[in-house]
Amino acid sequence: MIARIPPVRPSRGEQVCSSAPPSPEYPVAFGFPNISLCLIRLPGRFDSGRRVQSRIKSFKFIALIDSSCLARFMLYTLNRAFRQGVCLDQDAVEAFAKKRAASHCGPINKNEIKDSSMRIVPHLLGVTITAALISTPIFAAELTGTLKKIKESGTITLGHRDASIPFSYIADASGVPMGYSHDIQLKIVEAIKKDLDMPDLKVKYNLVTSQTRIPLVQNGTVDVECGSTTNNVERQQQVDFSIGIFEVGTRLLSKKDSSYKDFDDLKGKNVVTTASTTSERILKAMNADKQMGMNVISAKDHGESFQMLESGRAVAFMMDDALLAGEMAKAKKPDDWAVTGTAQSYEIYGCMVRKGDAPFKKAVDDAIVATYKSGDINAIYSKWFMSPVPPKGLNLNFPMSDKLKELIQNPTDKAAEDKKA
């Protein structure tokens, strides 16, 4: 641990490297108690003028610590929090350290600085170093929006579904959600614990439905919702979406021995779907555009939709193919049912966050990308789509599609219709 000794105190806004002029876009740095934290602004590439919280990983960090009268550069917590390493302009650093530390403990040997740095990039050109001493935990003075709410309350609230098998659902009396999307949500929680240095962060669960999920995110009741929510242009006007977590096609579930194999077979028939979903909109558009005369039944959730199908009140259930596979798996006789029909649309699921909260969205996106890059996503997928799942221990046998593989390889927060454009 670091001894409590007088730190080197660079003046706020002091320019250490003269190769670039001071700019309002170059924010002051953040820090820890007894650490003067210098922030290097890389030239050009990230000059978007956005708030620093939304671009914090575009910076490299230096921690300058006065310990035993030696100015030392240490990665300390920053390496754990940002995994970005340290970039040092050696000449500027040497001049800065000598100037600021001399008044405390005399001149400093260049080798002492060089030896104490954990990684050096010696040819960093055109940088401006702005420094400040902030005696607060990391980012505490700079947090806004959802991150600030989480930090102050000590709790993060996750929105979940009760019957979106295998994405987000409740399988037993404990009331604790589970599923593919929920496991990704837990990865987000773990990342935020590290980012905010809150190992004891509490998790609160809040049940949502197709009708309530967007309002509950908008009004702050739910911090992030990961379930089976399609990212589309219309919803983007109300909330922000993370990078995609799944890609599906909208198809039909019907009796395996029935004559209802595709959408053209449904003219004049009862067809069920879940209210406030993309499938409901597509079915109504089919009636209007093709005069199909279907009686579209809108159930409150996927479980109720399947009950109507299973009881014979509808001849087919339209929904995302992966969700249909989940409903089929929990049927009394799963082998009696089949997912069929030509896909009417391709949808990308994303996690919802409040609109305009760029720092929190970035934290969510970064956690998902890390899950993809580490390969953890493959284990999560296998657990929920290629292995027995609660409550009945049935295996969906739903191999990962080429579209999902592409999404994992090239993450995007675009809606499916944007990708096609």
Protein backbone atom coordinates (compact mmCIF):
# COMPACT_ATOMS: atom_id res chain seq x y z
CA MET A 1 0.00 0.00 0.00
CA ILE A 2 1.05 3.61 -0.46
CA ALA A 3 2.33 5.47 2.57
CA ARG A 4 0.46 8.62 3.51
CA ILE A 5 3.10 11.17 2.58
CA PRO A 6 2.90 14.59 0.95
CA PRO A 7 2.20 14.01 -2.75
CA VAL A 8 3.64 15.96 -5.64
CA ARG A 9 1.00 18.57 -6.38
CA PRO A 10 0.99 19.74 -9.99
CA SER A 11 -0.97 22.89 -10.57
CA ARG A 12 -4.38 22.46 -12.13
CA GLY A 13 -4.17 22.89 -15.86
CA GLU A 14 -0.35 23.11 -15.90
CA GLN A 15 1.08 22.28 -19.31
CA VAL A 16 4.03 19.92 -18.96
CA CYS A 17 4.74 19.20 -22.61
CA SER A 18 4.89 22.30 -24.79
CA SER A 19 4.39 20.54 -28.13
CA ALA A 20 0.65 21.25 -28.12
CA PRO A 21 -1.28 24.22 -26.72
CA PRO A 22 -3.73 23.94 -23.84
CA SER A 23 -7.29 23.32 -24.99
CA PRO A 24 -10.71 23.31 -23.29
CA GLU A 25 -11.17 19.84 -24.75
CA TYR A 26 -8.32 18.52 -22.62
CA PRO A 27 -10.05 17.69 -19.34
CA VAL A 28 -8.36 17.73 -15.99
CA ALA A 29 -7.38 14.34 -14.70
CA PHE A 30 -8.88 12.14 -12.06
CA GLY A 31 -7.10 10.67 -9.06
CA PHE A 32 -6.80 8.85 -5.80
CA PRO A 33 -5.81 10.07 -2.34
CA ASN A 34 -2.09 10.88 -2.27
CA ILE A 35 -1.75 10.39 -6.01
CA SER A 36 -1.28 13.13 -8.56
CA LEU A 37 -2.74 11.62 -11.69
CA CYS A 38 -1.56 12.94 -15.04
CA LEU A 39 -3.67 12.40 -18.11
CA ILE A 40 -2.20 12.31 -21.61
CA ARG A 41 -4.50 13.49 -24.38
CA LEU A 42 -3.78 11.69 -27.64
CA PRO A 43 -3.90 14.17 -30.55
CA GLY A 44 -6.44 14.17 -33.32
CA ARG A 45 -8.10 10.78 -33.21
CA PHE A 46 -10.46 11.33 -30.31
CA ASP A 47 -11.06 15.09 -30.67
CA SER A 48 -14.83 14.70 -30.75
CA GLY A 49 -15.58 17.13 -27.95
CA ARG A 50 -17.67 14.54 -26.12
CA ARG A 51 -17.70 14.37 -22.35
CA VAL A 52 -14.64 12.69 -20.96
CA GLN A 53 -16.67 10.00 -19.23
CA SER A 54 -17.87 8.63 -22.57
CA ARG A 55 -14.35 8.48 -23.98
CA ILE A 56 -12.34 7.68 -20.90
CA LYS A 57 -10.66 4.68 -22.49
CA SER A 58 -9.26 6.87 -25.25
CA PHE A 59 -6.75 8.15 -22.71
CA LYS A 60 -3.62 6.66 -21.22
CA PHE A 61 -2.88 7.32 -17.60
CA ILE A 62 0.13 8.12 -15.45
CA ALA A 63 0.18 8.04 -11.67
CA LEU A 64 2.90 10.23 -10.16
CA ILE A 65 3.56 9.37 -6.55
CA ASP A 66 5.99 11.01 -4.17
CA SER A 67 7.14 8.10 -2.00
CA SER A 68 10.27 8.29 0.17
CA CYS A 69 11.23 11.46 -1.72
CA LEU A 70 11.34 9.61 -5.07
CA ALA A 71 8.90 10.46 -7.85
CA ARG A 72 7.66 7.11 -9.10
CA PHE A 73 5.25 6.24 -11.86
CA MET A 74 2.97 3.36 -11.02
CA LEU A 75 0.08 1.70 -12.76
CA TYR A 76 -1.68 1.01 -9.44
CA THR A 77 -5.45 0.69 -9.66
CA LEU A 78 -5.63 2.15 -13.17
CA ASN A 79 -4.23 -1.01 -14.71
CA ARG A 80 -6.94 -3.06 -13.05
CA ALA A 81 -9.69 -0.60 -13.84
CA PHE A 82 -8.85 0.27 -17.42
CA ARG A 83 -6.28 -2.29 -18.53
CA GLN A 84 -4.77 0.43 -20.66
CA GLY A 85 -1.15 0.46 -19.47
CA VAL A 86 0.95 3.58 -19.08
CA CYS A 87 2.22 5.95 -21.75
CA LEU A 88 5.09 8.23 -20.76
CA ASP A 89 6.70 11.04 -22.75
CA GLN A 90 10.01 10.60 -20.95
CA ASP A 91 11.43 14.08 -21.51
CA ALA A 92 8.27 15.83 -20.39
CA VAL A 93 7.92 13.49 -17.43
CA GLU A 94 11.50 14.03 -16.30
CA ALA A 95 11.18 17.82 -16.47
CA PHE A 96 7.85 17.75 -14.70
CA ALA A 97 8.99 15.40 -11.93
CA LYS A 98 12.17 17.32 -11.26
CA LYS A 99 10.38 20.65 -11.17
CA ARG A 100 7.53 19.57 -8.92
CA ALA A 101 9.44 17.27 -6.56
CA ALA A 102 12.57 19.35 -6.06
CA SER A 103 10.86 21.57 -3.54
CA HIS A 104 9.97 18.50 -1.48
CA CYS A 105 13.05 16.32 -1.58
CA GLY A 106 15.62 17.66 -3.98
CA PRO A 107 16.52 16.56 -7.51
CA ILE A 108 15.42 13.22 -8.90
CA ASN A 109 17.59 10.87 -10.92
CA LYS A 110 16.22 10.06 -14.37
CA ASN A 111 16.96 6.37 -13.90
CA GLU A 112 14.83 6.29 -10.76
CA ILE A 113 11.90 7.54 -12.80
CA LYS A 114 12.62 5.22 -15.70
CA ASP A 115 13.10 2.13 -13.55
CA SER A 116 9.88 2.70 -11.63
CA SER A 117 7.69 3.02 -14.71
CA MET A 118 5.97 -0.22 -15.65
CA ARG A 119 5.72 0.42 -19.38
CA ILE A 120 7.10 3.29 -21.46
CA VAL A 121 6.16 4.53 -24.89
CA PRO A 122 9.03 6.90 -25.66
CA HIS A 123 7.86 8.37 -28.95
CA LEU A 124 4.51 9.86 -28.04
CA LEU A 125 4.26 13.06 -30.07
CA GLY A 126 2.02 16.08 -29.82
CA VAL A 127 0.56 15.46 -26.39
CA THR A 128 -0.62 17.78 -23.68
CA ILE A 129 -0.51 16.67 -20.06
CA THR A 130 -3.01 18.25 -17.75
CA ALA A 131 -2.81 17.38 -14.09
CA ALA A 132 -4.84 17.82 -10.92
CA LEU A 133 -4.91 16.33 -7.45
CA ILE A 134 -8.32 14.99 -6.49
CA SER A 135 -8.56 13.32 -3.10
CA THR A 136 -11.56 11.14 -3.94
CA PRO A 137 -12.05 7.60 -5.22
CA ILE A 138 -11.78 7.05 -8.93
CA PHE A 139 -14.23 9.16 -10.93
CA ALA A 140 -16.30 10.02 -7.86
CA ALA A 141 -16.27 13.72 -8.72
CA GLU A 142 -17.03 13.06 -12.37
CA LEU A 143 -19.79 10.46 -12.26
CA THR A 144 -23.11 11.39 -13.84
CA GLY A 145 -26.38 9.71 -14.69
CA THR A 146 -26.79 6.03 -13.94
CA LEU A 147 -23.21 5.49 -12.78
CA LYS A 148 -23.64 8.26 -10.20
CA LYS A 149 -26.96 6.77 -9.10
CA ILE A 150 -25.37 3.34 -8.69
CA LYS A 151 -22.40 4.75 -6.80
CA GLU A 152 -24.53 6.76 -4.39
CA SER A 153 -27.18 4.09 -3.78
CA GLY A 154 -24.84 1.10 -3.68
CA THR A 155 -27.34 -0.79 -5.82
CA ILE A 156 -27.85 -1.60 -9.49
CA THR A 157 -31.36 -2.54 -10.67
CA LEU A 158 -31.67 -5.15 -13.42
CA GLY A 159 -34.81 -5.50 -15.50
CA HIS A 160 -35.78 -9.09 -16.35
CA ARG A 161 -38.62 -11.12 -17.82
CA ASP A 162 -40.51 -14.00 -16.24
CA ALA A 163 -41.13 -16.22 -19.27
CA SER A 164 -38.66 -15.42 -22.06
CA ILE A 165 -37.01 -18.84 -22.15
CA PRO A 166 -34.05 -19.19 -22.52
CA PHE A 167 -33.13 -15.50 -22.43
CA SER A 168 -34.59 -14.17 -19.20
CA TYR A 169 -37.08 -16.08 -17.08
CA ILE A 170 -37.97 -17.40 -13.65
CA ALA A 171 -37.89 -21.17 -13.28
CA ASP A 172 -38.63 -21.76 -9.61
CA ALA A 173 -40.14 -20.31 -6.46
CA SER A 174 -36.98 -18.37 -5.60
CA GLY A 175 -37.99 -15.69 -8.07
CA VAL A 176 -34.38 -15.24 -9.20
CA PRO A 177 -34.10 -14.73 -12.97
CA MET A 178 -31.88 -16.83 -15.20
CA GLY A 179 -31.08 -17.22 -18.86
CA TYR A 180 -28.71 -16.29 -21.66
CA SER A 181 -29.41 -12.56 -21.53
CA HIS A 182 -29.36 -12.58 -17.75
CA ASP A 183 -25.89 -14.16 -17.69
CA ILE A 184 -24.67 -11.35 -19.97
CA GLN A 185 -26.32 -8.90 -17.58
CA LEU A 186 -24.33 -10.38 -14.70
CA LYS A 187 -21.13 -9.86 -16.70
CA ILE A 188 -22.11 -6.20 -16.93
CA VAL A 189 -22.59 -6.05 -13.15
CA GLU A 190 -19.15 -7.57 -12.52
CA ALA A 191 -17.52 -5.02 -14.83
CA ILE A 192 -19.28 -2.10 -13.13
CA LYS A 193 -18.18 -3.39 -9.72
CA LYS A 194 -14.59 -3.13 -10.91
CA ASP A 195 -15.02 0.19 -12.70
CA LEU A 196 -16.56 1.83 -9.63
CA ASP A 197 -14.42 -0.09 -7.14
CA MET A 198 -17.59 -1.46 -5.49
CA PRO A 199 -17.04 -5.17 -4.78
CA ASP A 200 -20.10 -5.20 -2.50
CA LEU A 201 -22.45 -3.62 -5.05
CA LYS A 202 -25.97 -4.91 -4.43
CA VAL A 203 -28.13 -6.24 -7.24
CA LYS A 204 -31.87 -5.63 -7.28
CA TYR A 205 -34.20 -7.41 -9.70
CA ASN A 206 -37.24 -5.76 -11.24
CA LEU A 207 -39.73 -7.74 -13.32
CA VAL A 208 -40.72 -6.15 -16.64
CA THR A 209 -43.13 -7.08 -19.42
CA SER A 210 -43.25 -6.22 -23.11
CA GLN A 211 -45.48 -3.27 -22.21
CA THR A 212 -43.56 -1.95 -19.18
CA ARG A 213 -39.90 -2.53 -20.08
CA ILE A 214 -39.32 0.76 -21.94
CA PRO A 215 -41.17 3.04 -19.46
CA LEU A 216 -39.34 1.47 -16.50
CA VAL A 217 -35.97 2.12 -18.14
CA GLN A 218 -36.99 5.66 -19.07
CA ASN A 219 -38.14 6.64 -15.57
CA GLY A 220 -35.08 5.19 -13.82
CA THR A 221 -36.78 2.29 -12.07
CA VAL A 222 -34.57 -0.11 -14.04
CA ASP A 223 -30.92 0.70 -14.78
CA VAL A 224 -30.39 -1.88 -17.52
CA GLU A 225 -32.74 -4.41 -19.11
CA CYS A 226 -31.34 -7.47 -20.87
CA GLY A 227 -34.00 -9.87 -22.05
CA SER A 228 -35.41 -10.40 -25.52
CA THR A 229 -35.88 -6.79 -26.55
CA THR A 230 -35.40 -6.01 -30.23
CA ASN A 231 -33.28 -3.01 -31.10
CA ASN A 232 -35.22 -1.10 -33.76
CA VAL A 233 -35.34 2.45 -35.06
CA GLU A 234 -38.65 3.24 -33.36
CA ARG A 235 -37.43 2.19 -29.92
CA GLN A 236 -34.16 4.07 -30.41
CA GLN A 237 -36.20 7.26 -30.10
CA GLN A 238 -37.10 6.26 -26.53
CA VAL A 239 -34.06 4.42 -25.13
CA ASP A 240 -30.46 3.59 -26.03
CA PHE A 241 -29.37 0.07 -26.87
CA SER A 242 -26.14 -1.71 -26.11
CA ILE A 243 -24.26 -3.56 -28.79
CA GLY A 244 -26.25 -6.57 -29.94
CA ILE A 245 -26.39 -9.70 -27.80
CA PHE A 246 -28.44 -11.97 -30.09
CA GLU A 247 -29.85 -12.16 -33.61
CA VAL A 248 -33.07 -13.95 -34.52
CA GLY A 249 -35.65 -14.40 -37.28
CA THR A 250 -39.42 -14.02 -36.76
CA ARG A 251 -41.15 -17.32 -37.63
CA LEU A 252 -44.03 -19.57 -36.58
CA LEU A 253 -44.64 -22.29 -34.01
CA SER A 254 -47.38 -24.75 -34.93
CA LYS A 255 -48.37 -28.40 -34.54
CA LYS A 256 -45.92 -30.63 -36.34
CA ASP A 257 -48.72 -32.54 -38.07
CA SER A 258 -50.80 -29.47 -38.99
CA SER A 259 -51.15 -27.88 -42.43
CA TYR A 260 -49.99 -24.48 -41.16
CA LYS A 261 -46.37 -24.44 -42.30
CA ASP A 262 -45.93 -20.88 -43.55
CA PHE A 263 -47.57 -17.47 -43.43
CA ASP A 264 -49.62 -17.96 -46.60
CA ASP A 265 -51.43 -20.81 -44.82
CA LEU A 266 -52.78 -18.46 -42.16
CA LYS A 267 -55.39 -16.52 -44.17
CA GLY A 268 -58.52 -16.10 -42.10
CA LYS A 269 -57.05 -18.02 -39.14
CA ASN A 270 -56.45 -17.20 -35.49
CA VAL A 271 -52.79 -16.34 -34.97
CA VAL A 272 -51.36 -15.43 -31.59
CA THR A 273 -48.36 -13.29 -30.74
CA THR A 274 -47.18 -11.27 -27.76
CA ALA A 275 -48.37 -7.68 -27.36
CA SER A 276 -46.03 -4.78 -28.10
CA THR A 277 -43.59 -6.90 -30.10
CA THR A 278 -42.20 -6.69 -33.61
CA SER A 279 -44.20 -9.79 -34.55
CA GLU A 280 -47.48 -8.09 -33.59
CA ARG A 281 -46.62 -5.18 -35.87
CA ILE A 282 -45.70 -7.51 -38.76
CA LEU A 283 -48.93 -9.52 -38.50
CA LYS A 284 -51.07 -6.38 -38.52
CA ALA A 285 -49.12 -5.08 -41.51
CA MET A 286 -49.74 -8.37 -43.34
CA ASN A 287 -53.47 -7.99 -42.79
CA ALA A 288 -53.39 -4.44 -44.12
CA ASP A 289 -51.05 -5.03 -47.06
CA LYS A 290 -52.08 -8.52 -48.18
CA GLN A 291 -55.71 -8.64 -46.97
CA MET A 292 -55.03 -11.92 -45.18
CA GLY A 293 -57.92 -11.55 -42.75
CA MET A 294 -56.07 -13.10 -39.82
CA ASN A 295 -57.50 -12.70 -36.35
CA VAL A 296 -54.41 -11.46 -34.52
CA ILE A 297 -54.54 -12.32 -30.81
CA SER A 298 -52.17 -10.27 -28.63
CA ALA A 299 -51.23 -12.06 -25.41
CA LYS A 300 -49.59 -10.35 -22.45
CA ASP A 301 -46.42 -12.48 -22.56
CA HIS A 302 -44.85 -15.42 -24.38
CA GLY A 303 -46.13 -17.94 -21.86
CA GLU A 304 -49.73 -16.84 -22.39
CA SER A 305 -49.21 -16.85 -26.17
CA PHE A 306 -48.12 -20.49 -26.08
CA GLN A 307 -51.03 -21.43 -23.80
CA MET A 308 -53.43 -20.08 -26.42
CA LEU A 309 -51.66 -22.12 -29.10
CA GLU A 310 -51.53 -25.28 -26.99
CA SER A 311 -55.22 -24.99 -26.07
CA GLY A 312 -56.26 -24.66 -29.72
CA ARG A 313 -57.42 -21.04 -29.56
CA ALA A 314 -54.82 -20.22 -32.23
CA VAL A 315 -53.34 -22.32 -35.04
CA ALA A 316 -49.91 -20.67 -34.95
CA PHE A 317 -47.77 -18.52 -32.69
CA MET A 318 -45.53 -15.91 -34.36
CA MET A 319 -42.42 -14.77 -32.51
CA ASP A 320 -38.63 -14.80 -32.66
CA ASP A 321 -37.41 -18.29 -33.54
CA ALA A 322 -35.21 -18.70 -30.47
CA LEU A 323 -38.10 -17.77 -28.17
CA LEU A 324 -40.36 -20.21 -30.00
CA ALA A 325 -37.79 -22.94 -29.38
CA GLY A 326 -37.89 -22.02 -25.71
CA GLU A 327 -41.67 -22.24 -25.55
CA MET A 328 -41.62 -25.56 -27.39
CA ALA A 329 -39.16 -26.93 -24.83
CA LYS A 330 -41.53 -26.29 -21.94
CA ALA A 331 -44.57 -27.80 -23.68
CA LYS A 332 -46.25 -30.89 -22.23
CA LYS A 333 -45.19 -32.79 -25.36
CA PRO A 334 -42.35 -30.86 -27.04
CA ASP A 335 -42.09 -33.32 -29.93
CA ASP A 336 -45.62 -32.38 -31.05
CA TRP A 337 -44.46 -28.90 -32.11
CA ALA A 338 -42.22 -27.41 -34.78
CA VAL A 339 -40.71 -24.02 -35.57
CA THR A 340 -41.51 -23.34 -39.20
CA GLY A 341 -42.18 -20.67 -41.82
CA THR A 342 -40.12 -18.18 -43.78
CA ALA A 343 -38.50 -15.59 -41.53
CA GLN A 344 -40.37 -12.29 -41.94
CA SER A 345 -37.65 -10.18 -40.36
CA TYR A 346 -34.28 -10.48 -38.69
CA GLU A 347 -34.02 -8.89 -35.28
CA ILE A 348 -31.09 -7.95 -33.06
CA TYR A 349 -31.58 -8.07 -29.30
CA GLY A 350 -29.81 -5.49 -27.16
CA CYS A 351 -29.76 -4.37 -23.54
CA MET A 352 -31.71 -1.17 -22.91
CA VAL A 353 -30.35 1.81 -20.96
CA ARG A 354 -31.65 5.33 -20.50
CA LYS A 355 -31.36 7.50 -23.56
CA GLY A 356 -28.47 9.96 -23.61
CA ASP A 357 -26.51 8.34 -20.76
CA ALA A 358 -23.32 7.83 -22.79
CA PRO A 359 -20.97 6.91 -19.89
CA PHE A 360 -23.25 4.12 -18.67
CA LYS A 361 -23.92 2.82 -22.17
CA LYS A 362 -20.17 2.68 -22.75
CA ALA A 363 -19.67 0.72 -19.52
CA VAL A 364 -22.34 -1.75 -20.64
CA ASP A 365 -20.89 -2.03 -24.16
CA ASP A 366 -17.37 -2.54 -22.87
CA ALA A 367 -18.51 -5.37 -20.59
CA ILE A 368 -20.28 -7.14 -23.46
CA VAL A 369 -17.31 -6.73 -25.79
CA ALA A 370 -15.03 -8.16 -23.09
CA THR A 371 -17.36 -11.16 -22.80
CA TYR A 372 -17.10 -11.68 -26.56
CA LYS A 373 -13.34 -11.27 -26.75
CA SER A 374 -12.66 -13.59 -23.82
CA GLY A 375 -14.72 -16.36 -25.38
CA ASP A 376 -17.03 -16.49 -22.36
CA ILE A 377 -19.96 -15.93 -24.70
CA ASN A 378 -19.47 -19.43 -26.16
CA ALA A 379 -19.88 -21.05 -22.75
CA ILE A 380 -22.95 -18.91 -22.04
CA TYR A 381 -24.50 -19.85 -25.38
CA SER A 382 -23.80 -23.56 -24.93
CA LYS A 383 -25.30 -23.46 -21.44
CA TRP A 384 -28.64 -22.10 -22.62
CA PHE A 385 -29.07 -23.36 -26.18
CA MET A 386 -27.12 -26.62 -26.40
CA SER A 387 -27.60 -28.08 -22.91
CA PRO A 388 -30.56 -29.04 -20.70
CA VAL A 389 -32.17 -25.94 -19.20
CA PRO A 390 -34.55 -25.45 -16.26
CA PRO A 391 -37.28 -26.03 -15.36
CA LYS A 392 -37.76 -29.33 -17.24
CA GLY A 393 -34.16 -30.04 -18.18
CA LEU A 394 -34.87 -30.03 -21.91
CA ASN A 395 -32.21 -29.27 -24.50
CA LEU A 396 -33.21 -26.70 -27.14
CA ASN A 397 -30.53 -27.95 -29.56
CA PHE A 398 -30.41 -24.53 -31.18
CA PRO A 399 -26.93 -24.11 -32.74
CA MET A 400 -25.40 -20.65 -32.97
CA SER A 401 -26.36 -19.04 -36.28
CA ASP A 402 -23.91 -17.53 -38.73
CA LYS A 403 -25.57 -14.16 -38.14
CA LEU A 404 -24.92 -14.33 -34.40
CA LYS A 405 -21.32 -15.44 -35.00
CA GLU A 406 -20.86 -12.39 -37.23
CA LEU A 407 -22.41 -10.12 -34.59
CA ILE A 408 -20.03 -11.45 -31.94
CA GLN A 409 -17.07 -11.02 -34.27
CA ASN A 410 -18.12 -7.49 -35.28
CA PRO A 411 -20.15 -5.97 -32.42
CA THR A 412 -22.54 -3.17 -33.29
CA ASP A 413 -25.35 -1.26 -31.60
CA LYS A 414 -27.16 -0.72 -34.89
CA ALA A 415 -30.68 -2.02 -35.40
CA ALA A 416 -31.21 -4.83 -37.90
CA GLU A 417 -32.80 -2.43 -40.38
CA ASP A 418 -29.78 -0.13 -40.09
CA LYS A 419 -27.45 -3.03 -40.89
CA LYS A 420 -29.39 -3.78 -44.07
CA ALA A 421 -29.36 -0.16 -45.24
